[in-house]
Amino acid sequence: MTRLAAIGLALALVLPAAVPKAAAQSAVTALVEALQKKYDTVRDFSADFEHVYTGGVLRKQLTERGRLLIKKPGKMRWEYTAPEKKTFVSDGVTLYSYLPADRQVMVTRVPQDGQATTPALFLAGQGSLTRDFIATEVTPPSGGASSGSRALKLVPKTPQAEFESLVLTIDARTLVLRGLESVDAQGGTSSFLFINLKENVGLSERDFTFDIPRGVDVITDELPAGRRTRGGPPAR
């Protein structure tokens, strides 16, 4: 075989593999940009959700359901209704986590640097697909959101303590969000399936205020470790 023929054979072997790979990456980039453009037009949304968490050494699974309200930037209300009632409310500055069974409210600050430090904050408008993540297209997770869907795996460019990666499942035609899956450092998986999702419904600011119930323990990150106060009427 001549040197020229050998070069031609090498190119014939390499180029067919390289072209589909480049085309696939171009398709992912186009999808990410289209999704970011659409998400930028969504001011708020409401949905019912099913949350399945799988984790621990025995890979135990817990399924919960509830109602979700999101308003950008940073406002959210998660009302878990079954099997146990729980409420998580962010007004964009402060996050309240209320566990009625424990008669306890945890009060923490929402990060203000624009980073999606938790999957929930990503939904609430913190972070950017094009700026903060490396995206690849993957097979949609099995379940109610898989039919007629596409899925993007998002790995944060800056490592996050709360999650290692996210998988967004979207409607292949409308790009409406169908599901969100996150994987934490311990290998636990949280999967959210969104049902009856409605965009730009004009949610009220009142939906994202939280009145601390009287008589509950209030744990805040502004108090020394172990310090608690008792809940009462909110200051006005």
Protein backbone atom coordinates (compact mmCIF):
# COMPACT_ATOMS: atom_id res chain seq x y z
CA MET A 1 0.00 0.00 0.00
CA THR A 2 1.34 3.41 -0.95
CA ARG A 3 1.71 6.18 1.65
CA LEU A 4 -1.08 8.19 -0.04
CA ALA A 5 -3.44 5.21 0.02
CA ALA A 6 -2.66 4.60 3.69
CA ILE A 7 -3.54 8.21 4.54
CA GLY A 8 -6.76 7.90 2.58
CA LEU A 9 -7.71 4.72 4.43
CA ALA A 10 -6.98 6.34 7.80
CA LEU A 11 -9.17 9.32 6.95
CA ALA A 12 -11.94 7.02 5.79
CA LEU A 13 -11.87 5.24 9.15
CA VAL A 14 -11.70 8.39 11.28
CA LEU A 15 -13.99 10.89 9.57
CA PRO A 16 -17.24 8.86 9.58
CA ALA A 17 -16.97 8.56 13.37
CA ALA A 18 -16.02 12.20 13.87
CA VAL A 19 -18.81 13.69 11.76
CA PRO A 20 -21.75 12.06 13.64
CA LYS A 21 -20.16 13.05 16.95
CA ALA A 22 -19.84 16.68 15.87
CA ALA A 23 -23.40 16.64 14.54
CA ALA A 24 -24.67 15.20 17.81
CA GLN A 25 -22.91 17.91 19.84
CA SER A 26 -24.31 20.56 17.54
CA ALA A 27 -27.82 19.17 18.12
CA VAL A 28 -27.29 19.26 21.90
CA THR A 29 -26.07 22.86 21.73
CA ALA A 30 -29.13 23.84 19.69
CA LEU A 31 -31.45 22.10 22.17
CA VAL A 32 -29.80 23.78 25.17
CA GLU A 33 -30.03 27.20 23.56
CA ALA A 34 -33.68 26.66 22.57
CA LEU A 35 -34.54 25.46 26.07
CA GLN A 36 -32.79 28.41 27.72
CA LYS A 37 -34.58 30.81 25.39
CA LYS A 38 -37.95 29.25 26.24
CA TYR A 39 -37.20 29.12 29.97
CA ASP A 40 -36.31 32.83 29.91
CA THR A 41 -39.91 33.55 28.85
CA VAL A 42 -41.41 31.63 31.80
CA ARG A 43 -42.11 34.04 34.67
CA ASP A 44 -43.87 31.51 36.88
CA PHE A 45 -45.48 28.07 36.77
CA SER A 46 -47.59 25.70 38.84
CA ALA A 47 -47.69 21.90 38.80
CA ASP A 48 -48.60 18.79 40.71
CA PHE A 49 -45.61 16.58 41.40
CA GLU A 50 -44.56 13.09 42.36
CA HIS A 51 -41.21 12.84 44.13
CA VAL A 52 -39.38 9.51 44.32
CA TYR A 53 -36.19 9.30 46.35
CA THR A 54 -33.95 6.24 46.19
CA GLY A 55 -30.92 6.09 48.46
CA GLY A 56 -29.10 4.53 51.35
CA VAL A 57 -27.16 1.29 51.54
CA LEU A 58 -30.34 -0.75 51.02
CA ARG A 59 -31.51 1.56 48.19
CA LYS A 60 -34.81 2.18 49.94
CA GLN A 61 -37.41 4.07 47.95
CA LEU A 62 -39.78 6.77 49.20
CA THR A 63 -42.59 8.21 47.07
CA GLU A 64 -44.23 11.53 47.96
CA ARG A 65 -46.74 13.81 46.22
CA GLY A 66 -47.75 17.42 46.38
CA ARG A 67 -48.19 20.79 44.70
CA LEU A 68 -45.50 23.17 43.42
CA LEU A 69 -45.53 26.92 42.73
CA ILE A 70 -42.52 28.69 41.19
CA LYS A 71 -41.99 32.40 40.52
CA LYS A 72 -38.75 33.89 39.30
CA PRO A 73 -36.39 34.92 40.65
CA GLY A 74 -35.93 32.47 43.50
CA LYS A 75 -39.49 32.17 44.81
CA MET A 76 -41.00 28.72 45.34
CA ARG A 77 -43.56 26.86 47.39
CA TRP A 78 -43.48 23.07 47.75
CA GLU A 79 -46.54 21.66 49.52
CA TYR A 80 -46.10 17.96 50.20
CA THR A 81 -49.49 16.37 50.88
CA ALA A 82 -48.83 12.61 51.00
CA PRO A 83 -47.84 10.50 52.75
CA GLU A 84 -46.60 13.21 55.16
CA LYS A 85 -47.38 16.91 55.08
CA LYS A 86 -44.36 19.19 54.63
CA THR A 87 -43.99 22.75 53.39
CA PHE A 88 -40.97 24.49 51.86
CA VAL A 89 -41.32 28.19 51.00
CA SER A 90 -38.78 30.63 49.59
CA ASP A 91 -39.50 34.34 49.13
CA GLY A 92 -36.27 34.73 47.18
CA VAL A 93 -34.26 35.70 50.25
CA THR A 94 -35.25 33.27 53.01
CA LEU A 95 -36.18 29.59 52.84
CA TYR A 96 -38.64 28.18 55.40
CA SER A 97 -38.82 24.41 55.87
CA TYR A 98 -41.84 23.39 57.94
CA LEU A 99 -42.28 19.86 59.29
CA PRO A 100 -45.68 19.78 61.07
CA ALA A 101 -45.11 16.31 62.54
CA ASP A 102 -41.97 17.61 64.30
CA ARG A 103 -43.50 21.04 65.08
CA GLN A 104 -40.35 22.55 63.68
CA VAL A 105 -39.45 25.31 61.19
CA MET A 106 -35.94 25.65 59.79
CA VAL A 107 -35.01 29.10 58.48
CA THR A 108 -32.06 29.50 56.09
CA ARG A 109 -30.80 32.10 53.65
CA VAL A 110 -31.14 31.61 49.90
CA PRO A 111 -27.79 32.02 48.08
CA GLN A 112 -27.73 35.36 46.25
CA ASP A 113 -24.88 34.70 43.81
CA GLY A 114 -27.16 33.46 41.03
CA GLN A 115 -25.86 29.89 41.27
CA ALA A 116 -28.15 26.85 41.31
CA THR A 117 -26.81 25.37 44.53
CA THR A 118 -29.80 23.00 44.79
CA PRO A 119 -32.06 21.43 42.13
CA ALA A 120 -35.04 23.37 43.54
CA LEU A 121 -33.24 26.69 43.12
CA PHE A 122 -32.45 25.76 39.53
CA LEU A 123 -36.20 25.45 38.90
CA ALA A 124 -36.72 28.83 40.56
CA GLY A 125 -34.50 30.58 38.05
CA GLN A 126 -31.11 30.36 39.75
CA GLY A 127 -28.37 29.34 37.35
CA SER A 128 -28.17 29.17 33.57
CA LEU A 129 -28.12 26.16 31.27
CA THR A 130 -25.68 27.75 28.87
CA ARG A 131 -23.42 29.37 31.48
CA ASP A 132 -23.27 26.96 34.41
CA PHE A 133 -23.57 23.43 33.02
CA ILE A 134 -22.00 20.96 30.62
CA ALA A 135 -24.90 19.33 28.78
CA THR A 136 -25.26 15.99 27.01
CA GLU A 137 -28.40 14.40 25.61
CA VAL A 138 -29.37 11.13 27.27
CA THR A 139 -32.21 8.63 27.12
CA PRO A 140 -35.19 9.94 29.14
CA PRO A 141 -35.58 8.18 32.50
CA SER A 142 -38.24 5.49 32.51
CA GLY A 143 -41.63 6.50 33.89
CA GLY A 144 -44.54 8.73 33.08
CA ALA A 145 -42.38 11.46 31.53
CA SER A 146 -40.51 9.29 29.01
CA SER A 147 -42.99 9.06 26.11
CA GLY A 148 -42.48 11.81 23.51
CA SER A 149 -39.68 13.32 25.57
CA ARG A 150 -36.05 14.35 25.30
CA ALA A 151 -33.62 14.53 28.21
CA LEU A 152 -30.50 16.54 28.99
CA LYS A 153 -27.92 15.56 31.57
CA LEU A 154 -26.45 18.67 33.19
CA VAL A 155 -23.15 18.53 35.08
CA PRO A 156 -22.31 21.77 36.93
CA LYS A 157 -19.07 23.42 35.84
CA THR A 158 -18.56 24.43 39.47
CA PRO A 159 -18.98 21.44 41.84
CA GLN A 160 -22.04 21.71 44.09
CA ALA A 161 -22.46 20.17 47.54
CA GLU A 162 -26.12 19.23 47.05
CA PHE A 163 -25.96 17.44 43.70
CA GLU A 164 -23.51 15.98 41.21
CA SER A 165 -25.74 16.13 38.14
CA LEU A 166 -29.25 16.91 36.94
CA VAL A 167 -31.36 15.32 34.24
CA LEU A 168 -34.06 17.51 32.73
CA THR A 169 -36.85 15.72 30.88
CA ILE A 170 -38.79 17.93 28.49
CA ASP A 171 -41.57 17.58 25.96
CA ALA A 172 -39.87 16.98 22.62
CA ARG A 173 -42.22 19.34 20.77
CA THR A 174 -43.06 22.15 23.22
CA LEU A 175 -39.96 21.96 25.49
CA VAL A 176 -42.26 22.10 28.52
CA LEU A 177 -40.65 20.61 31.63
CA ARG A 178 -41.81 17.09 32.43
CA GLY A 179 -39.31 15.86 34.99
CA LEU A 180 -36.20 16.60 37.00
CA GLU A 181 -33.77 14.04 38.39
CA SER A 182 -30.78 14.79 40.61
CA VAL A 183 -27.97 12.58 41.87
CA ASP A 184 -26.19 13.44 45.11
CA ALA A 185 -22.66 12.66 46.25
CA GLN A 186 -23.85 9.58 48.16
CA GLY A 187 -25.48 8.10 45.07
CA GLY A 188 -29.01 8.94 46.13
CA THR A 189 -31.44 9.83 43.36
CA SER A 190 -34.34 12.29 43.61
CA SER A 191 -36.80 12.10 40.71
CA PHE A 192 -39.61 14.60 40.20
CA LEU A 193 -42.44 13.99 37.73
CA PHE A 194 -44.46 17.14 36.95
CA ILE A 195 -48.14 16.85 36.05
CA ASN A 196 -50.61 19.54 34.96
CA LEU A 197 -47.81 22.06 34.59
CA LYS A 198 -49.07 25.53 33.66
CA GLU A 199 -46.78 28.40 32.71
CA ASN A 200 -47.20 32.14 33.30
CA VAL A 201 -50.34 31.86 35.42
CA GLY A 202 -49.74 35.14 37.29
CA LEU A 203 -48.91 33.82 40.75
CA SER A 204 -49.29 36.24 43.66
CA GLU A 205 -46.45 37.35 45.92
CA ARG A 206 -48.61 36.13 48.80
CA ASP A 207 -48.11 32.57 47.58
CA PHE A 208 -44.48 32.87 48.65
CA THR A 209 -44.86 34.25 52.16
CA PHE A 210 -44.75 31.96 55.17
CA ASP A 211 -46.31 32.67 58.55
CA ILE A 212 -44.50 30.72 61.26
CA PRO A 213 -47.10 28.80 63.30
CA ARG A 214 -47.37 29.66 66.98
CA GLY A 215 -45.61 27.29 69.36
CA VAL A 216 -43.25 25.55 66.93
CA ASP A 217 -39.47 25.32 67.31
CA VAL A 218 -37.65 27.72 64.99
CA ILE A 219 -34.10 26.77 63.99
CA THR A 220 -32.18 29.45 62.12
CA ASP A 221 -28.70 29.56 60.64
CA GLU A 222 -28.25 33.01 62.20
CA LEU A 223 -28.33 31.56 65.74
CA PRO A 224 -25.44 29.71 67.40
CA ALA A 225 -25.50 25.95 66.86
CA GLY A 226 -28.19 24.25 68.88
CA ARG A 227 -30.09 27.48 69.67
CA ARG A 228 -33.84 27.52 69.08
CA THR A 229 -36.66 29.98 69.48
CA ARG A 230 -40.42 29.52 69.72
CA GLY A 231 -42.69 30.51 66.88
CA GLY A 232 -45.36 33.18 67.15
CA PRO A 233 -47.11 35.74 64.97
CA PRO A 234 -44.79 36.97 62.19
CA ALA A 235 -43.40 40.46 62.51
CA ARG A 236 -45.07 42.99 60.20
